[in-house]
PDB file of N, CA and C in Angstrom:
ATOM      1  N   MET A   1       8.430 -27.629  11.328  1.00  0.00           N
ATOM      2  CA  MET A   1       8.603 -26.228  10.970  1.00  0.00           C
ATOM      3  C   MET A   1      10.055 -26.004  10.552  1.00  0.00           C
ATOM      4  N   GLU A   2      10.258 -25.387   9.416  1.00  0.00           N
ATOM      5  CA  GLU A   2      11.606 -25.113   8.903  1.00  0.00           C
ATOM      6  C   GLU A   2      12.160 -23.844   9.542  1.00  0.00           C
ATOM      7  N   LEU A   3      13.397 -23.937  10.029  1.00  0.00           N
ATOM      8  CA  LEU A   3      14.051 -22.761  10.612  1.00  0.00           C
ATOM      9  C   LEU A   3      14.743 -21.972   9.512  1.00  0.00           C
ATOM     10  N   LEU A   4      14.646 -20.658   9.586  1.00  0.00           N
ATOM     11  CA  LEU A   4      15.299 -19.794   8.620  1.00  0.00           C
ATOM     12  C   LEU A   4      16.684 -19.419   9.117  1.00  0.00           C
ATOM     13  N   SER A   5      17.632 -19.388   8.198  1.00  0.00           N
ATOM     14  CA  SER A   5      18.966 -18.941   8.568  1.00  0.00           C
ATOM     15  C   SER A   5      18.934 -17.438   8.816  1.00  0.00           C
ATOM     16  N   GLU A   6      19.992 -16.916   9.461  1.00  0.00           N
ATOM     17  CA  GLU A   6      20.070 -15.467   9.716  1.00  0.00           C
ATOM     18  C   GLU A   6      20.016 -14.688   8.416  1.00  0.00           C
ATOM     19  N   LEU A   7      20.683 -15.175   7.359  1.00  0.00           N
ATOM     20  CA  LEU A   7      20.666 -14.503   6.058  1.00  0.00           C
ATOM     21  C   LEU A   7      19.262 -14.514   5.469  1.00  0.00           C
ATOM     22  N   ASP A   8      18.575 -15.658   5.550  1.00  0.00           N
ATOM     23  CA  ASP A   8      17.213 -15.740   5.039  1.00  0.00           C
ATOM     24  C   ASP A   8      16.305 -14.751   5.756  1.00  0.00           C
ATOM     25  N   MET A   9      16.467 -14.616   7.059  1.00  0.00           N
ATOM     26  CA  MET A   9      15.625 -13.711   7.826  1.00  0.00           C
ATOM     27  C   MET A   9      15.883 -12.261   7.455  1.00  0.00           C
ATOM     28  N   MET A  10      17.127 -11.927   7.102  1.00  0.00           N
ATOM     29  CA  MET A  10      17.439 -10.545   6.716  1.00  0.00           C
ATOM     30  C   MET A  10      16.866 -10.211   5.351  1.00  0.00           C
ATOM     31  N   THR A  11      16.743 -11.196   4.449  1.00  0.00           N
ATOM     32  CA  THR A  11      16.264 -10.928   3.101  1.00  0.00           C
ATOM     33  C   THR A  11      14.779 -11.226   2.942  1.00  0.00           C
ATOM     34  N   CYS A  12      14.162 -11.753   3.978  1.00  0.00           N
ATOM     35  CA  CYS A  12      12.754 -12.103   3.931  1.00  0.00           C
ATOM     36  C   CYS A  12      11.916 -10.819   3.899  1.00  0.00           C
ATOM     37  N   PRO A  13      11.059 -10.658   2.890  1.00  0.00           N
ATOM     38  CA  PRO A  13      10.272  -9.425   2.815  1.00  0.00           C
ATOM     39  C   PRO A  13       9.219  -9.351   3.917  1.00  0.00           C
ATOM     40  N   MET A  14       8.838  -8.140   4.250  1.00  0.00           N
ATOM     41  CA  MET A  14       7.760  -7.910   5.215  1.00  0.00           C
ATOM     42  C   MET A  14       6.464  -7.790   4.429  1.00  0.00           C
ATOM     43  N   THR A  15       5.370  -8.176   5.055  1.00  0.00           N
ATOM     44  CA  THR A  15       4.067  -7.953   4.458  1.00  0.00           C
ATOM     45  C   THR A  15       3.329  -6.917   5.290  1.00  0.00           C
ATOM     46  N   TYR A  16       2.430  -6.217   4.640  1.00  0.00           N
ATOM     47  CA  TYR A  16       1.583  -5.228   5.294  1.00  0.00           C
ATOM     48  C   TYR A  16       0.151  -5.728   5.185  1.00  0.00           C
ATOM     49  N   GLY A  17      -0.488  -5.850   6.341  1.00  0.00           N
ATOM     50  CA  GLY A  17      -1.859  -6.322   6.378  1.00  0.00           C
ATOM     51  C   GLY A  17      -2.774  -5.281   6.974  1.00  0.00           C
ATOM     52  N   CYS A  18      -4.051  -5.487   6.750  1.00  0.00           N
ATOM     53  CA  CYS A  18      -5.075  -4.613   7.318  1.00  0.00           C
ATOM     54  C   CYS A  18      -5.027  -4.733   8.837  1.00  0.00           C
ATOM     55  N   LYS A  19      -4.936  -3.617   9.526  1.00  0.00           N
ATOM     56  CA  LYS A  19      -4.866  -3.604  10.989  1.00  0.00           C
ATOM     57  C   LYS A  19      -6.163  -4.129  11.602  1.00  0.00           C
ATOM     58  N   ASN A  20      -7.262  -3.956  10.903  1.00  0.00           N
ATOM     59  CA  ASN A  20      -8.558  -4.365  11.421  1.00  0.00           C
ATOM     60  C   ASN A  20      -8.772  -5.876  11.356  1.00  0.00           C
ATOM     61  N   CYS A  21      -8.406  -6.513  10.225  1.00  0.00           N
ATOM     62  CA  CYS A  21      -8.702  -7.945  10.057  1.00  0.00           C
ATOM     63  C   CYS A  21      -7.475  -8.810   9.763  1.00  0.00           C
ATOM     64  N   GLY A  22      -6.331  -8.186   9.432  1.00  0.00           N
ATOM     65  CA  GLY A  22      -5.095  -8.932   9.219  1.00  0.00           C
ATOM     66  C   GLY A  22      -4.840  -9.441   7.817  1.00  0.00           C
ATOM     67  N   VAL A  23      -5.781  -9.293   6.906  1.00  0.00           N
ATOM     68  CA  VAL A  23      -5.572  -9.797   5.547  1.00  0.00           C
ATOM     69  C   VAL A  23      -4.381  -9.077   4.900  1.00  0.00           C
ATOM     70  N   GLU A  24      -3.530  -9.825   4.192  1.00  0.00           N
ATOM     71  CA  GLU A  24      -2.339  -9.249   3.568  1.00  0.00           C
ATOM     72  C   GLU A  24      -2.727  -8.369   2.382  1.00  0.00           C
ATOM     73  N   LEU A  25      -2.095  -7.172   2.338  1.00  0.00           N
ATOM     74  CA  LEU A  25      -2.410  -6.197   1.299  1.00  0.00           C
ATOM     75  C   LEU A  25      -1.218  -5.867   0.406  1.00  0.00           C
ATOM     76  N   ALA A  26       0.005  -5.883   0.948  1.00  0.00           N
ATOM     77  CA  ALA A  26       1.178  -5.497   0.156  1.00  0.00           C
ATOM     78  C   ALA A  26       2.434  -6.102   0.760  1.00  0.00           C
ATOM     79  N   GLU A  27       3.511  -6.123  -0.035  1.00  0.00           N
ATOM     80  CA  GLU A  27       4.812  -6.608   0.424  1.00  0.00           C
ATOM     81  C   GLU A  27       5.842  -5.491   0.347  1.00  0.00           C
ATOM     82  N   SER A  28       6.802  -5.547   1.257  1.00  0.00           N
ATOM     83  CA  SER A  28       7.833  -4.512   1.310  1.00  0.00           C
ATOM     84  C   SER A  28       8.627  -4.425   0.011  1.00  0.00           C
ATOM     85  N   ASP A  29       8.788  -5.543  -0.697  1.00  0.00           N
ATOM     86  CA  ASP A  29       9.508  -5.537  -1.980  1.00  0.00           C
ATOM     87  C   ASP A  29       8.844  -4.623  -3.007  1.00  0.00           C
ATOM     88  N   ASP A  30       7.558  -4.362  -2.845  1.00  0.00           N
ATOM     89  CA  ASP A  30       6.808  -3.536  -3.796  1.00  0.00           C
ATOM     90  C   ASP A  30       6.696  -2.081  -3.355  1.00  0.00           C
ATOM     91  N   CYS A  31       7.355  -1.730  -2.249  1.00  0.00           N
ATOM     92  CA  CYS A  31       7.321  -0.354  -1.746  1.00  0.00           C
ATOM     93  C   CYS A  31       8.241   0.524  -2.593  1.00  0.00           C
ATOM     94  N   ILE A  32       7.686   1.586  -3.144  1.00  0.00           N
ATOM     95  CA  ILE A  32       8.425   2.516  -3.991  1.00  0.00           C
ATOM     96  C   ILE A  32       8.984   3.671  -3.162  1.00  0.00           C
ATOM     97  N   SER A  33       8.186   4.131  -2.189  1.00  0.00           N
ATOM     98  CA  SER A  33       8.602   5.274  -1.377  1.00  0.00           C
ATOM     99  C   SER A  33       7.966   5.209   0.001  1.00  0.00           C
ATOM    100  N   ARG A  34       8.755   5.583   1.001  1.00  0.00           N
ATOM    101  CA  ARG A  34       8.257   5.666   2.381  1.00  0.00           C
ATOM    102  C   ARG A  34       7.970   7.118   2.766  1.00  0.00           C
ATOM    103  N   ASN A  35       8.128   8.023   1.826  1.00  0.00           N
ATOM    104  CA  ASN A  35       8.046   9.452   2.102  1.00  0.00           C
ATOM    105  C   ASN A  35       6.706  10.037   1.654  1.00  0.00           C
ATOM    106  N   PHE A  36       5.606   9.468   2.141  1.00  0.00           N
ATOM    107  CA  PHE A  36       4.277   9.937   1.778  1.00  0.00           C
ATOM    108  C   PHE A  36       3.463  10.184   3.034  1.00  0.00           C
ATOM    109  N   ARG A  37       2.440  11.024   2.893  1.00  0.00           N
ATOM    110  CA  ARG A  37       1.514  11.319   3.984  1.00  0.00           C
ATOM    111  C   ARG A  37       0.108  11.039   3.489  1.00  0.00           C
ATOM    112  N   GLY A  38      -0.671  10.419   4.339  1.00  0.00           N
ATOM    113  CA  GLY A  38      -2.070  10.171   4.043  1.00  0.00           C
ATOM    114  C   GLY A  38      -2.943  10.970   4.988  1.00  0.00           C
ATOM    115  N   VAL A  39      -4.191  10.655   5.028  1.00  0.00           N
ATOM    116  CA  VAL A  39      -5.142  11.320   5.911  1.00  0.00           C
ATOM    117  C   VAL A  39      -4.766  11.087   7.379  1.00  0.00           C
ATOM    118  N   HIS A  40      -4.240   9.894   7.687  1.00  0.00           N
ATOM    119  CA  HIS A  40      -3.927   9.505   9.063  1.00  0.00           C
ATOM    120  C   HIS A  40      -2.445   9.609   9.404  1.00  0.00           C
ATOM    121  N   GLY A  41      -1.653  10.269   8.563  1.00  0.00           N
ATOM    122  CA  GLY A  41      -0.225  10.422   8.851  1.00  0.00           C
ATOM    123  C   GLY A  41       0.649   9.645   7.879  1.00  0.00           C
ATOM    124  N   GLU A  42       1.674   8.951   8.423  1.00  0.00           N
ATOM    125  CA  GLU A  42       2.661   8.250   7.602  1.00  0.00           C
ATOM    126  C   GLU A  42       1.994   7.275   6.632  1.00  0.00           C
ATOM    127  N   ALA A  43       2.502   7.282   5.400  1.00  0.00           N
ATOM    128  CA  ALA A  43       1.991   6.381   4.363  1.00  0.00           C
ATOM    129  C   ALA A  43       3.151   5.950   3.479  1.00  0.00           C
ATOM    130  N   LYS A  44       2.936   4.870   2.739  1.00  0.00           N
ATOM    131  CA  LYS A  44       3.939   4.370   1.801  1.00  0.00           C
ATOM    132  C   LYS A  44       3.293   4.175   0.447  1.00  0.00           C
ATOM    133  N   LEU A  45       4.101   4.351  -0.600  1.00  0.00           N
ATOM    134  CA  LEU A  45       3.630   4.175  -1.967  1.00  0.00           C
ATOM    135  C   LEU A  45       4.100   2.812  -2.469  1.00  0.00           C
ATOM    136  N   PHE A  46       3.165   2.007  -2.965  1.00  0.00           N
ATOM    137  CA  PHE A  46       3.453   0.654  -3.438  1.00  0.00           C
ATOM    138  C   PHE A  46       3.154   0.523  -4.923  1.00  0.00           C
ATOM    139  N   ALA A  47       3.995  -0.258  -5.610  1.00  0.00           N
ATOM    140  CA  ALA A  47       3.788  -0.521  -7.036  1.00  0.00           C
ATOM    141  C   ALA A  47       2.559  -1.391  -7.256  1.00  0.00           C
ATOM    142  N   LYS A  48       2.309  -2.307  -6.321  1.00  0.00           N
ATOM    143  CA  LYS A  48       1.125  -3.154  -6.437  1.00  0.00           C
ATOM    144  C   LYS A  48       0.619  -3.506  -5.051  1.00  0.00           C
ATOM    145  N   ALA A  49      -0.629  -3.909  -5.013  1.00  0.00           N
ATOM    146  CA  ALA A  49      -1.275  -4.315  -3.772  1.00  0.00           C
ATOM    147  C   ALA A  49      -2.319  -5.368  -4.122  1.00  0.00           C
ATOM    148  N   ALA A  50      -2.800  -6.061  -3.113  1.00  0.00           N
ATOM    149  CA  ALA A  50      -3.771  -7.131  -3.325  1.00  0.00           C
ATOM    150  C   ALA A  50      -4.886  -7.030  -2.299  1.00  0.00           C
ATOM    151  N   ASN A  51      -5.957  -7.755  -2.549  1.00  0.00           N
ATOM    152  CA  ASN A  51      -7.084  -7.863  -1.615  1.00  0.00           C
ATOM    153  C   ASN A  51      -7.737  -6.525  -1.311  1.00  0.00           C
ATOM    154  N   LEU A  52      -7.806  -5.682  -2.331  1.00  0.00           N
ATOM    155  CA  LEU A  52      -8.435  -4.373  -2.202  1.00  0.00           C
ATOM    156  C   LEU A  52      -9.597  -4.232  -3.176  1.00  0.00           C
ATOM    157  N   ASP A  53     -10.630  -3.543  -2.750  1.00  0.00           N
ATOM    158  CA  ASP A  53     -11.710  -3.119  -3.630  1.00  0.00           C
ATOM    159  C   ASP A  53     -11.547  -1.621  -3.827  1.00  0.00           C
ATOM    160  N   LEU A  54     -11.658  -1.176  -5.079  1.00  0.00           N
ATOM    161  CA  LEU A  54     -11.457   0.240  -5.401  1.00  0.00           C
ATOM    162  C   LEU A  54     -12.781   0.940  -5.652  1.00  0.00           C
ATOM    163  N   GLY A  55     -12.860   2.168  -5.152  1.00  0.00           N
ATOM    164  CA  GLY A  55     -14.043   2.988  -5.368  1.00  0.00           C
ATOM    165  C   GLY A  55     -14.005   3.648  -6.741  1.00  0.00           C
ATOM    166  N   GLU A  56     -15.002   4.461  -7.008  1.00  0.00           N
ATOM    167  CA  GLU A  56     -15.077   5.225  -8.253  1.00  0.00           C
ATOM    168  C   GLU A  56     -13.996   6.309  -8.260  1.00  0.00           C
ATOM    169  N   PRO A  57     -13.474   6.656  -9.428  1.00  0.00           N
ATOM    170  CA  PRO A  57     -12.482   7.744  -9.506  1.00  0.00           C
ATOM    171  C   PRO A  57     -13.080   9.068  -9.016  1.00  0.00           C
ATOM    172  N   ILE A  58     -12.292   9.778  -8.192  1.00  0.00           N
ATOM    173  CA  ILE A  58     -12.708  11.088  -7.694  1.00  0.00           C
ATOM    174  C   ILE A  58     -11.524  12.045  -7.796  1.00  0.00           C
ATOM    175  N   ASP A  59     -11.827  13.336  -7.946  1.00  0.00           N
ATOM    176  CA  ASP A  59     -10.794  14.369  -7.930  1.00  0.00           C
ATOM    177  C   ASP A  59     -10.488  14.725  -6.478  1.00  0.00           C
ATOM    178  N   ARG A  60      -9.196  14.785  -6.148  1.00  0.00           N
ATOM    179  CA  ARG A  60      -8.807  15.115  -4.776  1.00  0.00           C
ATOM    180  C   ARG A  60      -7.682  16.141  -4.835  1.00  0.00           C
ATOM    181  N   HIS A  61      -7.873  17.279  -4.167  1.00  0.00           N
ATOM    182  CA  HIS A  61      -6.830  18.293  -4.060  1.00  0.00           C
ATOM    183  C   HIS A  61      -5.891  17.906  -2.926  1.00  0.00           C
ATOM    184  N   MET A  62      -4.605  17.735  -3.257  1.00  0.00           N
ATOM    185  CA  MET A  62      -3.597  17.339  -2.282  1.00  0.00           C
ATOM    186  C   MET A  62      -2.481  18.372  -2.281  1.00  0.00           C
ATOM    187  N   THR A  63      -1.510  18.206  -1.401  1.00  0.00           N
ATOM    188  CA  THR A  63      -0.416  19.174  -1.316  1.00  0.00           C
ATOM    189  C   THR A  63       0.371  19.253  -2.618  1.00  0.00           C
ATOM    190  N   THR A  64       0.361  18.186  -3.403  1.00  0.00           N
ATOM    191  CA  THR A  64       1.084  18.173  -4.681  1.00  0.00           C
ATOM    192  C   THR A  64       0.209  18.603  -5.852  1.00  0.00           C
ATOM    193  N   GLY A  65      -1.033  18.981  -5.575  1.00  0.00           N
ATOM    194  CA  GLY A  65      -1.929  19.430  -6.628  1.00  0.00           C
ATOM    195  C   GLY A  65      -3.131  18.512  -6.780  1.00  0.00           C
ATOM    196  N   LEU A  66      -3.832  18.666  -7.880  1.00  0.00           N
ATOM    197  CA  LEU A  66      -5.036  17.888  -8.156  1.00  0.00           C
ATOM    198  C   LEU A  66      -4.654  16.491  -8.626  1.00  0.00           C
ATOM    199  N   ASN A  67      -5.251  15.478  -8.000  1.00  0.00           N
ATOM    200  CA  ASN A  67      -5.040  14.089  -8.396  1.00  0.00           C
ATOM    201  C   ASN A  67      -6.383  13.403  -8.558  1.00  0.00           C
ATOM    202  N   VAL A  68      -6.441  12.435  -9.456  1.00  0.00           N
ATOM    203  CA  VAL A  68      -7.593  11.550  -9.567  1.00  0.00           C
ATOM    204  C   VAL A  68      -7.220  10.294  -8.792  1.00  0.00           C
ATOM    205  N   ILE A  69      -8.057   9.917  -7.823  1.00  0.00           N
ATOM    206  CA  ILE A  69      -7.771   8.743  -7.003  1.00  0.00           C
ATOM    207  C   ILE A  69      -8.998   7.843  -6.921  1.00  0.00           C
ATOM    208  N   GLN A  70      -8.757   6.621  -6.472  1.00  0.00           N
ATOM    209  CA  GLN A  70      -9.827   5.688  -6.136  1.00  0.00           C
ATOM    210  C   GLN A  70      -9.545   5.210  -4.717  1.00  0.00           C
ATOM    211  N   LEU A  71     -10.489   5.401  -3.816  1.00  0.00           N
ATOM    212  CA  LEU A  71     -10.295   4.927  -2.445  1.00  0.00           C
ATOM    213  C   LEU A  71     -10.143   3.412  -2.459  1.00  0.00           C
ATOM    214  N   ALA A  72      -9.224   2.908  -1.634  1.00  0.00           N
ATOM    215  CA  ALA A  72      -8.925   1.480  -1.567  1.00  0.00           C
ATOM    216  C   ALA A  72      -9.428   0.915  -0.240  1.00  0.00           C
ATOM    217  N   HIS A  73     -10.311  -0.064  -0.326  1.00  0.00           N
ATOM    218  CA  HIS A  73     -10.912  -0.687   0.847  1.00  0.00           C
ATOM    219  C   HIS A  73     -10.454  -2.133   0.951  1.00  0.00           C
ATOM    220  N   CYS A  74     -10.149  -2.571   2.167  1.00  0.00           N
ATOM    221  CA  CYS A  74      -9.820  -3.966   2.407  1.00  0.00           C
ATOM    222  C   CYS A  74     -10.975  -4.828   1.909  1.00  0.00           C
ATOM    223  N   ARG A  75     -10.663  -5.804   1.103  1.00  0.00           N
ATOM    224  CA  ARG A  75     -11.701  -6.663   0.523  1.00  0.00           C
ATOM    225  C   ARG A  75     -12.433  -7.467   1.595  1.00  0.00           C
ATOM    226  N   GLN A  76     -11.747  -7.773   2.697  1.00  0.00           N
ATOM    227  CA  GLN A  76     -12.359  -8.618   3.720  1.00  0.00           C
ATOM    228  C   GLN A  76     -13.250  -7.844   4.686  1.00  0.00           C
ATOM    229  N   CYS A  77     -12.733  -6.745   5.262  1.00  0.00           N
ATOM    230  CA  CYS A  77     -13.507  -6.027   6.291  1.00  0.00           C
ATOM    231  C   CYS A  77     -14.044  -4.671   5.824  1.00  0.00           C
ATOM    232  N   LYS A  78     -13.659  -4.252   4.613  1.00  0.00           N
ATOM    233  CA  LYS A  78     -14.162  -3.005   3.991  1.00  0.00           C
ATOM    234  C   LYS A  78     -13.594  -1.722   4.591  1.00  0.00           C
ATOM    235  N   THR A  79     -12.558  -1.821   5.442  1.00  0.00           N
ATOM    236  CA  THR A  79     -11.911  -0.626   5.993  1.00  0.00           C
ATOM    237  C   THR A  79     -11.174   0.108   4.877  1.00  0.00           C
ATOM    238  N   CYS A  80     -11.320   1.421   4.817  1.00  0.00           N
ATOM    239  CA  CYS A  80     -10.566   2.218   3.844  1.00  0.00           C
ATOM    240  C   CYS A  80      -9.131   2.330   4.350  1.00  0.00           C
ATOM    241  N   VAL A  81      -8.174   1.812   3.572  1.00  0.00           N
ATOM    242  CA  VAL A  81      -6.774   1.757   3.998  1.00  0.00           C
ATOM    243  C   VAL A  81      -5.864   2.675   3.181  1.00  0.00           C
ATOM    244  N   GLY A  82      -6.427   3.389   2.221  1.00  0.00           N
ATOM    245  CA  GLY A  82      -5.629   4.283   1.388  1.00  0.00           C
ATOM    246  C   GLY A  82      -6.316   4.546   0.069  1.00  0.00           C
ATOM    247  N   TRP A  83      -5.512   4.682  -0.998  1.00  0.00           N
ATOM    248  CA  TRP A  83      -6.081   4.919  -2.319  1.00  0.00           C
ATOM    249  C   TRP A  83      -5.120   4.494  -3.418  1.00  0.00           C
ATOM    250  N   ARG A  84      -5.681   4.405  -4.609  1.00  0.00           N
ATOM    251  CA  ARG A  84      -4.911   4.134  -5.826  1.00  0.00           C
ATOM    252  C   ARG A  84      -4.932   5.406  -6.654  1.00  0.00           C
ATOM    253  N   TYR A  85      -3.746   5.815  -7.122  1.00  0.00           N
ATOM    254  CA  TYR A  85      -3.667   7.001  -7.967  1.00  0.00           C
ATOM    255  C   TYR A  85      -4.123   6.672  -9.381  1.00  0.00           C
ATOM    256  N   GLY A  86      -4.953   7.541  -9.936  1.00  0.00           N
ATOM    257  CA  GLY A  86      -5.375   7.427 -11.322  1.00  0.00           C
ATOM    258  C   GLY A  86      -4.557   8.380 -12.172  1.00  0.00           C
ATOM    259  N   ASN A  87      -5.183   8.956 -13.160  1.00  0.00           N
ATOM    260  CA  ASN A  87      -4.490   9.875 -14.056  1.00  0.00           C
ATOM    261  C   ASN A  87      -4.052  11.139 -13.319  1.00  0.00           C
ATOM    262  N   ALA A  88      -2.787  11.487 -13.488  1.00  0.00           N
ATOM    263  CA  ALA A  88      -2.248  12.695 -12.868  1.00  0.00           C
ATOM    264  C   ALA A  88      -2.448  13.887 -13.797  1.00  0.00           C
ATOM    265  N   VAL A  89      -2.826  15.009 -13.222  1.00  0.00           N
ATOM    266  CA  VAL A  89      -3.018  16.231 -13.983  1.00  0.00           C
ATOM    267  C   VAL A  89      -1.677  16.924 -14.214  1.00  0.00           C
ATOM    268  N   ILE A  90      -0.813  16.881 -13.199  1.00  0.00           N
ATOM    269  CA  ILE A  90       0.492  17.543 -13.258  1.00  0.00           C
ATOM    270  C   ILE A  90       1.546  16.547 -13.753  1.00  0.00           C
ATOM    271  N   GLU A  91       2.341  16.976 -14.718  1.00  0.00           N
ATOM    272  CA  GLU A  91       3.333  16.094 -15.344  1.00  0.00           C
ATOM    273  C   GLU A  91       4.283  15.446 -14.328  1.00  0.00           C
ATOM    274  N   SER A  92       4.723  16.205 -13.349  1.00  0.00           N
ATOM    275  CA  SER A  92       5.684  15.677 -12.367  1.00  0.00           C
ATOM    276  C   SER A  92       5.069  14.611 -11.445  1.00  0.00           C
ATOM    277  N   GLU A  93       3.767  14.469 -11.475  1.00  0.00           N
ATOM    278  CA  GLU A  93       3.078  13.486 -10.626  1.00  0.00           C
ATOM    279  C   GLU A  93       2.712  12.209 -11.383  1.00  0.00           C
ATOM    280  N   LYS A  94       3.051  12.115 -12.656  1.00  0.00           N
ATOM    281  CA  LYS A  94       2.682  10.964 -13.491  1.00  0.00           C
ATOM    282  C   LYS A  94       3.244   9.643 -12.968  1.00  0.00           C
ATOM    283  N   TYR A  95       4.372   9.676 -12.262  1.00  0.00           N
ATOM    284  CA  TYR A  95       4.984   8.447 -11.757  1.00  0.00           C
ATOM    285  C   TYR A  95       4.079   7.727 -10.751  1.00  0.00           C
ATOM    286  N   LYS A  96       3.098   8.424 -10.185  1.00  0.00           N
ATOM    287  CA  LYS A  96       2.189   7.831  -9.208  1.00  0.00           C
ATOM    288  C   LYS A  96       1.045   7.051  -9.859  1.00  0.00           C
ATOM    289  N   GLU A  97       0.826   7.267 -11.133  1.00  0.00           N
ATOM    290  CA  GLU A  97      -0.322   6.644 -11.797  1.00  0.00           C
ATOM    291  C   GLU A  97      -0.311   5.126 -11.631  1.00  0.00           C
ATOM    292  N   GLY A  98      -1.439   4.590 -11.166  1.00  0.00           N
ATOM    293  CA  GLY A  98      -1.588   3.158 -10.985  1.00  0.00           C
ATOM    294  C   GLY A  98      -0.957   2.608  -9.714  1.00  0.00           C
ATOM    295  N   LYS A  99      -0.353   3.474  -8.908  1.00  0.00           N
ATOM    296  CA  LYS A  99       0.312   3.051  -7.673  1.00  0.00           C
ATOM    297  C   LYS A  99      -0.650   3.191  -6.491  1.00  0.00           C
ATOM    298  N   TYR A 100      -0.314   2.523  -5.406  1.00  0.00           N
ATOM    299  CA  TYR A 100      -1.163   2.477  -4.222  1.00  0.00           C
ATOM    300  C   TYR A 100      -0.522   3.190  -3.038  1.00  0.00           C
ATOM    301  N   LEU A 101      -1.244   4.112  -2.428  1.00  0.00           N
ATOM    302  CA  LEU A 101      -0.821   4.739  -1.195  1.00  0.00           C
ATOM    303  C   LEU A 101      -1.557   4.021  -0.072  1.00  0.00           C
ATOM    304  N   LEU A 102      -0.785   3.403   0.826  1.00  0.00           N
ATOM    305  CA  LEU A 102      -1.373   2.713   1.968  1.00  0.00           C
ATOM    306  C   LEU A 102      -0.950   3.416   3.253  1.00  0.00           C
ATOM    307  N   GLU A 103      -1.914   3.666   4.101  1.00  0.00           N
ATOM    308  CA  GLU A 103      -1.682   4.412   5.338  1.00  0.00           C
ATOM    309  C   GLU A 103      -1.193   3.474   6.443  1.00  0.00           C
ATOM    310  N   MET A 104      -0.027   3.779   7.004  1.00  0.00           N
ATOM    311  CA  MET A 104       0.599   2.899   7.976  1.00  0.00           C
ATOM    312  C   MET A 104      -0.172   2.797   9.288  1.00  0.00           C
ATOM    313  N   GLN A 105      -0.940   3.818   9.654  1.00  0.00           N
ATOM    314  CA  GLN A 105      -1.771   3.743  10.864  1.00  0.00           C
ATOM    315  C   GLN A 105      -2.861   2.680  10.729  1.00  0.00           C
ATOM    316  N   LEU A 106      -3.155   2.300   9.493  1.00  0.00           N
ATOM    317  CA  LEU A 106      -4.213   1.327   9.235  1.00  0.00           C
ATOM    318  C   LEU A 106      -3.661  -0.042   8.844  1.00  0.00           C
ATOM    319  N   MET A 107      -2.332  -0.188   8.948  1.00  0.00           N
ATOM    320  CA  MET A 107      -1.644  -1.429   8.561  1.00  0.00           C
ATOM    321  C   MET A 107      -0.991  -2.087   9.767  1.00  0.00           C
ATOM    322  N   VAL A 108      -0.752  -3.368   9.641  1.00  0.00           N
ATOM    323  CA  VAL A 108       0.077  -4.110  10.579  1.00  0.00           C
ATOM    324  C   VAL A 108       1.200  -4.725   9.747  1.00  0.00           C
ATOM    325  N   GLU A 109       2.430  -4.637  10.258  1.00  0.00           N
ATOM    326  CA  GLU A 109       3.600  -5.132   9.532  1.00  0.00           C
ATOM    327  C   GLU A 109       4.040  -6.452  10.154  1.00  0.00           C
ATOM    328  N   LYS A 110       4.308  -7.449   9.302  1.00  0.00           N
ATOM    329  CA  LYS A 110       4.764  -8.746   9.810  1.00  0.00           C
ATOM    330  C   LYS A 110       5.700  -9.390   8.804  1.00  0.00           C
ATOM    331  N   GLU A 111       6.492 -10.336   9.296  1.00  0.00           N
ATOM    332  CA  GLU A 111       7.416 -11.028   8.404  1.00  0.00           C
ATOM    333  C   GLU A 111       6.636 -11.927   7.475  1.00  0.00           C
ATOM    334  N   SER A 112       7.031 -11.913   6.215  1.00  0.00           N
ATOM    335  CA  SER A 112       6.411 -12.751   5.208  1.00  0.00           C
ATOM    336  C   SER A 112       7.046 -14.138   5.268  1.00  0.00           C
ATOM    337  N   LYS A 113       6.291 -15.134   4.850  1.00  0.00           N
ATOM    338  CA  LYS A 113       6.891 -16.462   4.715  1.00  0.00           C
ATOM    339  C   LYS A 113       7.833 -16.415   3.540  1.00  0.00           C
ATOM    340  N   LEU A 114       9.013 -16.984   3.681  1.00  0.00           N
ATOM    341  CA  LEU A 114      10.034 -16.944   2.644  1.00  0.00           C
ATOM    342  C   LEU A 114       9.459 -17.451   1.326  1.00  0.00           C
ATOM    343  N   GLY A 115       9.576 -16.630   0.308  1.00  0.00           N
ATOM    344  CA  GLY A 115       9.152 -17.019  -1.030  1.00  0.00           C
ATOM    345  C   GLY A 115       7.679 -16.792  -1.320  1.00  0.00           C
ATOM    346  N   SER A 116       6.887 -16.344  -0.338  1.00  0.00           N
ATOM    347  CA  SER A 116       5.475 -16.124  -0.621  1.00  0.00           C
ATOM    348  C   SER A 116       5.309 -14.806  -1.353  1.00  0.00           C
ATOM    349  N   LYS A 117       4.426 -14.786  -2.285  1.00  0.00           N
ATOM    350  CA  LYS A 117       4.077 -13.583  -3.031  1.00  0.00           C
ATOM    351  C   LYS A 117       2.583 -13.404  -2.977  1.00  0.00           C
ATOM    352  N   LEU A 118       2.148 -12.173  -2.832  1.00  0.00           N
ATOM    353  CA  LEU A 118       0.708 -11.885  -2.818  1.00  0.00           C
ATOM    354  C   LEU A 118       0.121 -12.127  -4.183  1.00  0.00           C
TER     355      LEU A 118
END
């Protein structure tokens, strides 16, 4: 087993996995914002995610207005862990298009192996 230096450990990204089954869903390097709220409380917005199955687009009224979203389910255990933003109706919300909101209550955070990418 290779030991990581203190510097390597500080720069090593964290991964976020499904709390139910542990499958990796996102990396901290892809986190755009930590200032989001989901159905279950604290959530983070990610530029990309993996190992998710997306539902059909639906209209959802949120605090920021009407959004088109697709519910995101863990590919392994089928737990709904958040959603993917589709087309935004409000101009100021366009930056969310194609991004993933993952709910932290449904995630487990762990250190990623150095250099691994989802």
